[in-house]
Amino acid sequence: MPLASFLESLFKWLFLLALAVAVVTWFYKDKLPEPGFYINPDLADPRQTPTTRTPFSTSINGQTYLITPKFDYEFEAIVVSYHDADAFTDISHFSSWKDFINLRDLCVVWGENLRSGVYQRMKFHNDSWTCWVQWQAQDASLFRKDQLSNNHLLSDSPRIQQAILDAEPGDHIRIRGMLVEYANPGNGFKRGTSTTRMDTGNGACETIYVTDFAILQKANAGARSLYRFSFWLAVLGLIGFVIFLFIAPPKNNVT
C-alpha cells in the first residue's frame, strides 16, 4: 500500500475515533457532581455588608464606565450554568450596549440547594439577561429560590477576567467584590443590581464588580481534559484525512 494511502486511512480512523470520544465526553464534562464530591458542601449565604467605596470610573476598549458601589459582597457557591457576552447568540452586549466590562454571567447555587442534591435533578440555562431554571414537581418543596443567583460579573483586570472565564459548571468558586450599579455615559446604557436574595424576575440578578475570583475546586477535570484533547485530535485527523485524500493515488476497482 502506498504511504499516502496508508496515511489517508490512518487519519480517517484517527478522526472517527477522536470524534466519538469527543461526543461522549461532551455529555459528561459539564455534569454537576454529587454533594459528596465537594470538600465543603455547607456553603453559607452570601455576606453583604455596607461599603466605604465611592463611585469610580474605568475604561475598556475605548468605553468609559461609571461604577457606583452599593455593598461589599462575598460568597462561595457552585456554578450551574453561564453565559458569555461574546456568545454567537448574544447580539446586544458588545454591538448594541458596548458593554465590554461584563464578560460573563454565572448562575450559582449554595446552601440547601447544594446539600439536598436537588440541583442535580434540575435544568439550568443562561441567556444574556437571565438564568432559567426547570425542576420536577416532586422537587418544588426542596428547591430554595433564595439560594440561587444569576451574577453579572464585572472586571477590568485581565487576571480576574481570565479566572472568571475559566469557571465551568460544577466548579466550586469564591467571589469577592461589590454589588454595584454601572453605566456607560457615552451611549446611555446602565444596569442596576439586586441587593436581596429574596427577589425574582426582572432586576433580581446581582451585578458584581469583582476584586477577587478563585476556583476552589474544579469539577470533571478528567472528562474536560479528555474532551479538549479528543476534540483537537479530531480536528487534526480531519485535516490530515482531507490532505491525503487528494495526495493518495486513486483506488482502482477490480471486478
C-alpha atoms as a PDB file:
ATOM      1  CA  MET A   1       0.000   0.000   0.000  1.00  0.00           C
ATOM      2  CA  PRO A   2       1.445   3.409  -0.933  1.00  0.00           C
ATOM      3  CA  LEU A   3       2.413   5.576   2.047  1.00  0.00           C
ATOM      4  CA  ALA A   4      -0.093   8.302   1.097  1.00  0.00           C
ATOM      5  CA  SER A   5      -2.942   5.771   1.033  1.00  0.00           C
ATOM      6  CA  PHE A   6      -1.835   4.373   4.404  1.00  0.00           C
ATOM      7  CA  LEU A   7      -1.785   7.878   5.939  1.00  0.00           C
ATOM      8  CA  GLU A   8      -5.184   8.675   4.424  1.00  0.00           C
ATOM      9  CA  SER A   9      -6.663   5.616   6.147  1.00  0.00           C
ATOM     10  CA  LEU A  10      -4.784   6.349   9.385  1.00  0.00           C
ATOM     11  CA  PHE A  11      -6.048   9.926   9.613  1.00  0.00           C
ATOM     12  CA  LYS A  12      -9.586   8.821   8.728  1.00  0.00           C
ATOM     13  CA  TRP A  13      -9.728   6.370  11.646  1.00  0.00           C
ATOM     14  CA  LEU A  14      -7.997   8.852  13.926  1.00  0.00           C
ATOM     15  CA  PHE A  15     -10.704  11.391  13.093  1.00  0.00           C
ATOM     16  CA  LEU A  16     -13.576   8.934  13.629  1.00  0.00           C
ATOM     17  CA  LEU A  17     -12.266   7.562  16.931  1.00  0.00           C
ATOM     18  CA  ALA A  18     -11.376  11.014  18.327  1.00  0.00           C
ATOM     19  CA  LEU A  19     -14.765  12.371  17.259  1.00  0.00           C
ATOM     20  CA  ALA A  20     -16.542   9.518  19.053  1.00  0.00           C
ATOM     21  CA  VAL A  21     -14.592  10.209  22.263  1.00  0.00           C
ATOM     22  CA  ALA A  22     -15.295  13.954  21.984  1.00  0.00           C
ATOM     23  CA  VAL A  23     -19.029  13.349  21.591  1.00  0.00           C
ATOM     24  CA  VAL A  24     -19.176  11.020  24.619  1.00  0.00           C
ATOM     25  CA  THR A  25     -17.108  13.267  26.877  1.00  0.00           C
ATOM     26  CA  TRP A  26     -19.145  16.322  25.802  1.00  0.00           C
ATOM     27  CA  PHE A  27     -22.113  14.833  27.677  1.00  0.00           C
ATOM     28  CA  TYR A  28     -20.057  14.327  30.856  1.00  0.00           C
ATOM     29  CA  LYS A  29     -17.795  17.380  31.047  1.00  0.00           C
ATOM     30  CA  ASP A  30     -20.495  19.703  32.458  1.00  0.00           C
ATOM     31  CA  LYS A  31     -22.338  17.132  34.565  1.00  0.00           C
ATOM     32  CA  LEU A  32     -22.979  18.505  38.062  1.00  0.00           C
ATOM     33  CA  PRO A  33     -21.247  16.329  40.714  1.00  0.00           C
ATOM     34  CA  GLU A  34     -22.975  14.946  43.789  1.00  0.00           C
ATOM     35  CA  PRO A  35     -22.793  16.995  47.024  1.00  0.00           C
ATOM     36  CA  GLY A  36     -20.303  14.479  48.450  1.00  0.00           C
ATOM     37  CA  PHE A  37     -17.793  15.465  45.759  1.00  0.00           C
ATOM     38  CA  TYR A  38     -17.242  18.832  47.387  1.00  0.00           C
ATOM     39  CA  ILE A  39     -14.795  19.279  50.238  1.00  0.00           C
ATOM     40  CA  ASN A  40     -17.157  21.817  51.820  1.00  0.00           C
ATOM     41  CA  PRO A  41     -20.808  21.225  50.847  1.00  0.00           C
ATOM     42  CA  ASP A  42     -22.092  23.514  53.631  1.00  0.00           C
ATOM     43  CA  LEU A  43     -21.914  26.804  51.774  1.00  0.00           C
ATOM     44  CA  ALA A  44     -23.415  29.709  53.693  1.00  0.00           C
ATOM     45  CA  ASP A  45     -25.467  32.578  52.311  1.00  0.00           C
ATOM     46  CA  PRO A  46     -23.562  35.458  50.672  1.00  0.00           C
ATOM     47  CA  ARG A  47     -22.126  38.096  53.022  1.00  0.00           C
ATOM     48  CA  GLN A  48     -23.389  41.564  52.164  1.00  0.00           C
ATOM     49  CA  THR A  49     -22.080  44.492  54.230  1.00  0.00           C
ATOM     50  CA  PRO A  50     -22.031  48.299  53.929  1.00  0.00           C
ATOM     51  CA  THR A  51     -19.255  49.612  51.712  1.00  0.00           C
ATOM     52  CA  THR A  52     -16.941  52.579  52.095  1.00  0.00           C
ATOM     53  CA  ARG A  53     -16.086  52.660  48.380  1.00  0.00           C
ATOM     54  CA  THR A  54     -17.142  55.763  46.476  1.00  0.00           C
ATOM     55  CA  PRO A  55     -18.170  55.867  42.789  1.00  0.00           C
ATOM     56  CA  PHE A  56     -15.296  55.476  40.321  1.00  0.00           C
ATOM     57  CA  SER A  57     -14.777  55.102  36.581  1.00  0.00           C
ATOM     58  CA  THR A  58     -12.816  52.665  34.449  1.00  0.00           C
ATOM     59  CA  SER A  59     -12.215  52.297  30.707  1.00  0.00           C
ATOM     60  CA  ILE A  60     -12.179  49.199  28.487  1.00  0.00           C
ATOM     61  CA  ASN A  61     -11.990  49.066  24.667  1.00  0.00           C
ATOM     62  CA  GLY A  62     -12.435  52.813  24.390  1.00  0.00           C
ATOM     63  CA  GLN A  63     -15.587  52.819  26.546  1.00  0.00           C
ATOM     64  CA  THR A  64     -15.748  54.511  29.958  1.00  0.00           C
ATOM     65  CA  TYR A  65     -17.962  53.048  32.687  1.00  0.00           C
ATOM     66  CA  LEU A  66     -19.139  54.730  35.857  1.00  0.00           C
ATOM     67  CA  ILE A  67     -19.257  52.230  38.739  1.00  0.00           C
ATOM     68  CA  THR A  68     -21.418  53.014  41.795  1.00  0.00           C
ATOM     69  CA  PRO A  69     -20.794  50.621  44.721  1.00  0.00           C
ATOM     70  CA  LYS A  70     -23.774  49.693  46.907  1.00  0.00           C
ATOM     71  CA  PHE A  71     -22.474  46.958  49.242  1.00  0.00           C
ATOM     72  CA  ASP A  72     -19.351  44.885  49.781  1.00  0.00           C
ATOM     73  CA  TYR A  73     -20.174  41.318  48.769  1.00  0.00           C
ATOM     74  CA  GLU A  74     -18.569  37.892  49.175  1.00  0.00           C
ATOM     75  CA  PHE A  75     -19.749  34.331  48.719  1.00  0.00           C
ATOM     76  CA  GLU A  76     -18.877  30.754  47.797  1.00  0.00           C
ATOM     77  CA  ALA A  77     -21.140  28.752  45.503  1.00  0.00           C
ATOM     78  CA  ILE A  78     -21.348  26.045  42.843  1.00  0.00           C
ATOM     79  CA  VAL A  79     -21.588  27.104  39.197  1.00  0.00           C
ATOM     80  CA  VAL A  80     -24.584  25.536  37.419  1.00  0.00           C
ATOM     81  CA  SER A  81     -24.601  27.489  34.135  1.00  0.00           C
ATOM     82  CA  TYR A  82     -23.075  30.540  32.474  1.00  0.00           C
ATOM     83  CA  HIS A  83     -23.406  32.984  29.600  1.00  0.00           C
ATOM     84  CA  ASP A  84     -20.545  34.674  27.748  1.00  0.00           C
ATOM     85  CA  ALA A  85     -21.066  38.174  26.437  1.00  0.00           C
ATOM     86  CA  ASP A  86     -19.315  37.260  23.180  1.00  0.00           C
ATOM     87  CA  ALA A  87     -21.577  34.261  22.530  1.00  0.00           C
ATOM     88  CA  PHE A  88     -22.757  33.932  18.921  1.00  0.00           C
ATOM     89  CA  THR A  89     -26.389  34.290  20.028  1.00  0.00           C
ATOM     90  CA  ASP A  90     -25.730  37.469  22.041  1.00  0.00           C
ATOM     91  CA  ILE A  91     -26.163  40.430  19.701  1.00  0.00           C
ATOM     92  CA  SER A  92     -26.575  43.014  22.450  1.00  0.00           C
ATOM     93  CA  HIS A  93     -23.624  43.095  24.867  1.00  0.00           C
ATOM     94  CA  PHE A  94     -20.886  44.249  22.542  1.00  0.00           C
ATOM     95  CA  SER A  95     -22.655  45.650  19.475  1.00  0.00           C
ATOM     96  CA  SER A  96     -25.638  47.462  21.000  1.00  0.00           C
ATOM     97  CA  TRP A  97     -24.703  48.140  24.613  1.00  0.00           C
ATOM     98  CA  LYS A  98     -20.912  48.463  24.176  1.00  0.00           C
ATOM     99  CA  ASP A  99     -20.724  46.562  27.452  1.00  0.00           C
ATOM    100  CA  PHE A 100     -17.158  45.243  27.461  1.00  0.00           C
ATOM    101  CA  ILE A 101     -16.796  45.147  31.249  1.00  0.00           C
ATOM    102  CA  ASN A 102     -19.368  42.351  31.753  1.00  0.00           C
ATOM    103  CA  LEU A 103     -17.669  39.374  30.063  1.00  0.00           C
ATOM    104  CA  ARG A 104     -19.612  36.547  31.692  1.00  0.00           C
ATOM    105  CA  ASP A 105     -22.678  35.798  33.814  1.00  0.00           C
ATOM    106  CA  LEU A 106     -22.542  32.919  36.280  1.00  0.00           C
ATOM    107  CA  CYS A 107     -25.618  31.196  37.692  1.00  0.00           C
ATOM    108  CA  VAL A 108     -24.806  29.558  41.039  1.00  0.00           C
ATOM    109  CA  VAL A 109     -26.383  27.613  43.921  1.00  0.00           C
ATOM    110  CA  TRP A 110     -25.460  27.154  47.575  1.00  0.00           C
ATOM    111  CA  GLY A 111     -26.955  26.163  50.950  1.00  0.00           C
ATOM    112  CA  GLU A 112     -29.826  23.671  50.965  1.00  0.00           C
ATOM    113  CA  ASN A 113     -29.913  23.609  47.170  1.00  0.00           C
ATOM    114  CA  LEU A 114     -26.447  22.056  47.352  1.00  0.00           C
ATOM    115  CA  ARG A 115     -26.807  19.898  50.470  1.00  0.00           C
ATOM    116  CA  SER A 116     -30.082  18.298  49.353  1.00  0.00           C
ATOM    117  CA  GLY A 117     -28.690  17.434  45.912  1.00  0.00           C
ATOM    118  CA  VAL A 118     -31.796  18.888  44.248  1.00  0.00           C
ATOM    119  CA  TYR A 119     -29.608  20.830  41.796  1.00  0.00           C
ATOM    120  CA  GLN A 120     -28.618  17.553  40.112  1.00  0.00           C
ATOM    121  CA  ARG A 121     -32.207  16.911  39.063  1.00  0.00           C
ATOM    122  CA  MET A 122     -32.759  20.435  37.753  1.00  0.00           C
ATOM    123  CA  LYS A 123     -32.006  22.037  34.396  1.00  0.00           C
ATOM    124  CA  PHE A 124     -30.255  25.414  34.206  1.00  0.00           C
ATOM    125  CA  HIS A 125     -29.791  27.682  31.212  1.00  0.00           C
ATOM    126  CA  ASN A 126     -28.493  31.226  30.810  1.00  0.00           C
ATOM    127  CA  ASP A 127     -29.288  33.840  28.211  1.00  0.00           C
ATOM    128  CA  SER A 128     -27.942  37.399  28.038  1.00  0.00           C
ATOM    129  CA  TRP A 129     -30.126  38.550  30.963  1.00  0.00           C
ATOM    130  CA  THR A 130     -31.435  35.600  32.922  1.00  0.00           C
ATOM    131  CA  CYS A 131     -30.748  32.203  34.460  1.00  0.00           C
ATOM    132  CA  TRP A 132     -33.648  29.897  33.616  1.00  0.00           C
ATOM    133  CA  VAL A 133     -34.425  27.005  35.937  1.00  0.00           C
ATOM    134  CA  GLN A 134     -36.599  23.919  35.491  1.00  0.00           C
ATOM    135  CA  TRP A 135     -37.384  21.386  38.186  1.00  0.00           C
ATOM    136  CA  GLN A 136     -39.629  18.382  38.611  1.00  0.00           C
ATOM    137  CA  ALA A 137     -42.866  18.754  40.550  1.00  0.00           C
ATOM    138  CA  GLN A 138     -41.695  16.496  43.386  1.00  0.00           C
ATOM    139  CA  ASP A 139     -38.647  18.739  43.913  1.00  0.00           C
ATOM    140  CA  ALA A 140     -40.579  22.001  44.231  1.00  0.00           C
ATOM    141  CA  SER A 141     -40.526  21.869  48.035  1.00  0.00           C
ATOM    142  CA  LEU A 142     -36.757  21.212  48.130  1.00  0.00           C
ATOM    143  CA  PHE A 143     -35.644  23.999  45.821  1.00  0.00           C
ATOM    144  CA  ARG A 144     -34.781  27.268  47.608  1.00  0.00           C
ATOM    145  CA  LYS A 145     -35.215  30.232  45.265  1.00  0.00           C
ATOM    146  CA  ASP A 146     -33.266  32.413  47.688  1.00  0.00           C
ATOM    147  CA  GLN A 147     -30.227  30.139  47.371  1.00  0.00           C
ATOM    148  CA  LEU A 148     -29.718  30.579  43.656  1.00  0.00           C
ATOM    149  CA  SER A 149     -28.489  33.716  41.934  1.00  0.00           C
ATOM    150  CA  ASN A 150     -27.519  34.920  38.494  1.00  0.00           C
ATOM    151  CA  ASN A 151     -24.481  37.181  38.667  1.00  0.00           C
ATOM    152  CA  HIS A 152     -23.372  39.785  36.123  1.00  0.00           C
ATOM    153  CA  LEU A 153     -19.612  39.805  36.742  1.00  0.00           C
ATOM    154  CA  LEU A 154     -17.640  42.974  36.002  1.00  0.00           C
ATOM    155  CA  SER A 155     -13.868  43.285  35.887  1.00  0.00           C
ATOM    156  CA  ASP A 156     -11.222  45.478  34.277  1.00  0.00           C
ATOM    157  CA  SER A 157      -8.374  43.192  35.429  1.00  0.00           C
ATOM    158  CA  PRO A 158      -7.041  40.736  32.796  1.00  0.00           C
ATOM    159  CA  ARG A 159      -6.065  38.278  35.552  1.00  0.00           C
ATOM    160  CA  ILE A 160      -9.531  38.275  37.114  1.00  0.00           C
ATOM    161  CA  GLN A 161     -11.223  38.202  33.712  1.00  0.00           C
ATOM    162  CA  GLN A 162      -9.315  35.032  32.802  1.00  0.00           C
ATOM    163  CA  ALA A 163     -10.151  33.407  36.149  1.00  0.00           C
ATOM    164  CA  ILE A 164     -13.848  34.146  35.567  1.00  0.00           C
ATOM    165  CA  LEU A 165     -13.691  32.674  32.054  1.00  0.00           C
ATOM    166  CA  ASP A 166     -12.052  29.509  33.439  1.00  0.00           C
ATOM    167  CA  ALA A 167     -15.086  28.733  35.636  1.00  0.00           C
ATOM    168  CA  GLU A 168     -17.367  25.938  34.374  1.00  0.00           C
ATOM    169  CA  PRO A 169     -20.499  24.108  35.584  1.00  0.00           C
ATOM    170  CA  GLY A 170     -19.867  22.122  38.745  1.00  0.00           C
ATOM    171  CA  ASP A 171     -16.927  24.258  39.882  1.00  0.00           C
ATOM    172  CA  HIS A 172     -16.798  25.496  43.488  1.00  0.00           C
ATOM    173  CA  ILE A 173     -15.952  29.196  43.293  1.00  0.00           C
ATOM    174  CA  ARG A 174     -15.378  32.134  45.626  1.00  0.00           C
ATOM    175  CA  ILE A 175     -16.164  35.723  44.625  1.00  0.00           C
ATOM    176  CA  ARG A 176     -15.204  38.878  46.476  1.00  0.00           C
ATOM    177  CA  GLY A 177     -16.209  42.319  45.348  1.00  0.00           C
ATOM    178  CA  MET A 178     -19.034  44.834  45.474  1.00  0.00           C
ATOM    179  CA  LEU A 179     -22.657  44.928  44.443  1.00  0.00           C
ATOM    180  CA  VAL A 180     -22.756  47.862  42.041  1.00  0.00           C
ATOM    181  CA  GLU A 181     -24.742  49.859  39.560  1.00  0.00           C
ATOM    182  CA  TYR A 182     -22.869  50.806  36.411  1.00  0.00           C
ATOM    183  CA  ALA A 183     -23.416  52.950  33.360  1.00  0.00           C
ATOM    184  CA  ASN A 184     -21.820  53.932  30.084  1.00  0.00           C
ATOM    185  CA  PRO A 185     -22.423  57.705  29.822  1.00  0.00           C
ATOM    186  CA  GLY A 186     -21.317  57.617  26.190  1.00  0.00           C
ATOM    187  CA  ASN A 187     -24.383  55.699  24.984  1.00  0.00           C
ATOM    188  CA  GLY A 188     -26.799  55.836  27.916  1.00  0.00           C
ATOM    189  CA  PHE A 189     -26.517  52.160  28.817  1.00  0.00           C
ATOM    190  CA  LYS A 190     -26.926  51.398  32.515  1.00  0.00           C
ATOM    191  CA  ARG A 191     -27.637  48.410  34.746  1.00  0.00           C
ATOM    192  CA  GLY A 192     -28.600  48.120  38.402  1.00  0.00           C
ATOM    193  CA  THR A 193     -28.268  45.305  40.894  1.00  0.00           C
ATOM    194  CA  SER A 194     -30.349  43.275  43.286  1.00  0.00           C
ATOM    195  CA  THR A 195     -29.478  43.765  46.948  1.00  0.00           C
ATOM    196  CA  THR A 196     -31.517  40.871  48.325  1.00  0.00           C
ATOM    197  CA  ARG A 197     -31.644  37.155  47.605  1.00  0.00           C
ATOM    198  CA  MET A 198     -35.400  37.089  48.068  1.00  0.00           C
ATOM    199  CA  ASP A 199     -36.412  38.750  44.786  1.00  0.00           C
ATOM    200  CA  THR A 200     -37.191  37.022  41.482  1.00  0.00           C
ATOM    201  CA  GLY A 201     -37.803  38.040  37.900  1.00  0.00           C
ATOM    202  CA  ASN A 202     -36.544  41.159  36.142  1.00  0.00           C
ATOM    203  CA  GLY A 203     -33.944  43.013  38.197  1.00  0.00           C
ATOM    204  CA  ALA A 204     -33.243  40.084  40.531  1.00  0.00           C
ATOM    205  CA  CYS A 205     -29.690  39.480  39.275  1.00  0.00           C
ATOM    206  CA  GLU A 206     -26.659  40.538  41.283  1.00  0.00           C
ATOM    207  CA  THR A 207     -24.240  42.847  39.469  1.00  0.00           C
ATOM    208  CA  ILE A 208     -20.789  42.395  40.985  1.00  0.00           C
ATOM    209  CA  TYR A 209     -17.595  44.349  40.436  1.00  0.00           C
ATOM    210  CA  VAL A 210     -15.132  41.538  41.161  1.00  0.00           C
ATOM    211  CA  THR A 211     -11.960  42.237  43.159  1.00  0.00           C
ATOM    212  CA  ASP A 212     -11.015  38.588  43.707  1.00  0.00           C
ATOM    213  CA  PHE A 213     -12.134  35.396  41.965  1.00  0.00           C
ATOM    214  CA  ALA A 214     -10.982  31.881  42.828  1.00  0.00           C
ATOM    215  CA  ILE A 215     -11.911  28.380  41.667  1.00  0.00           C
ATOM    216  CA  LEU A 216     -11.605  26.414  44.898  1.00  0.00           C
ATOM    217  CA  GLN A 217     -12.482  23.012  43.430  1.00  0.00           C
ATOM    218  CA  LYS A 218     -12.597  22.011  39.772  1.00  0.00           C
ATOM    219  CA  ALA A 219     -15.294  19.585  38.624  1.00  0.00           C
ATOM    220  CA  ASN A 220     -14.963  16.899  35.945  1.00  0.00           C
ATOM    221  CA  ALA A 221     -11.288  17.678  35.339  1.00  0.00           C
ATOM    222  CA  GLY A 222     -10.615  14.323  33.663  1.00  0.00           C
ATOM    223  CA  ALA A 223     -13.630  14.464  31.346  1.00  0.00           C
ATOM    224  CA  ARG A 224     -12.854  18.052  30.341  1.00  0.00           C
ATOM    225  CA  SER A 225      -9.206  17.299  29.606  1.00  0.00           C
ATOM    226  CA  LEU A 226     -10.161  14.242  27.556  1.00  0.00           C
ATOM    227  CA  TYR A 227     -12.811  16.267  25.688  1.00  0.00           C
ATOM    228  CA  ARG A 228     -10.346  19.012  24.753  1.00  0.00           C
ATOM    229  CA  PHE A 229      -7.683  16.502  23.723  1.00  0.00           C
ATOM    230  CA  SER A 230     -10.071  14.403  21.618  1.00  0.00           C
ATOM    231  CA  PHE A 231     -11.647  17.490  20.033  1.00  0.00           C
ATOM    232  CA  TRP A 232      -8.333  18.817  18.753  1.00  0.00           C
ATOM    233  CA  LEU A 233      -7.210  15.323  17.810  1.00  0.00           C
ATOM    234  CA  ALA A 234     -10.385  15.021  15.704  1.00  0.00           C
ATOM    235  CA  VAL A 235      -9.568  18.356  14.048  1.00  0.00           C
ATOM    236  CA  LEU A 236      -6.043  17.121  13.299  1.00  0.00           C
ATOM    237  CA  GLY A 237      -7.386  13.830  11.972  1.00  0.00           C
ATOM    238  CA  LEU A 238      -9.861  15.590   9.679  1.00  0.00           C
ATOM    239  CA  ILE A 239      -7.209  17.929   8.279  1.00  0.00           C
ATOM    240  CA  GLY A 240      -4.816  15.030   7.688  1.00  0.00           C
ATOM    241  CA  PHE A 241      -7.504  12.921   6.046  1.00  0.00           C
ATOM    242  CA  VAL A 242      -8.514  15.713   3.649  1.00  0.00           C
ATOM    243  CA  ILE A 243      -4.886  16.393   2.704  1.00  0.00           C
ATOM    244  CA  PHE A 244      -4.009  12.764   1.971  1.00  0.00           C
ATOM    245  CA  LEU A 245      -7.355  12.161   0.268  1.00  0.00           C
ATOM    246  CA  PHE A 246      -6.076  14.366  -2.527  1.00  0.00           C
ATOM    247  CA  ILE A 247      -2.480  13.122  -2.378  1.00  0.00           C
ATOM    248  CA  ALA A 248      -3.177   9.385  -2.325  1.00  0.00           C
ATOM    249  CA  PRO A 249      -3.386   7.689  -5.736  1.00  0.00           C
ATOM    250  CA  PRO A 250      -6.913   6.820  -6.903  1.00  0.00           C
ATOM    251  CA  LYS A 251      -8.165   3.399  -5.927  1.00  0.00           C
ATOM    252  CA  ASN A 252      -8.826   1.112  -8.877  1.00  0.00           C
ATOM    253  CA  ASN A 253     -11.880  -1.100  -8.670  1.00  0.00           C
ATOM    254  CA  VAL A 254     -11.143  -4.680  -9.628  1.00  0.00           C
ATOM    255  CA  THR A 255     -14.039  -6.759 -10.944  1.00  0.00           C
END
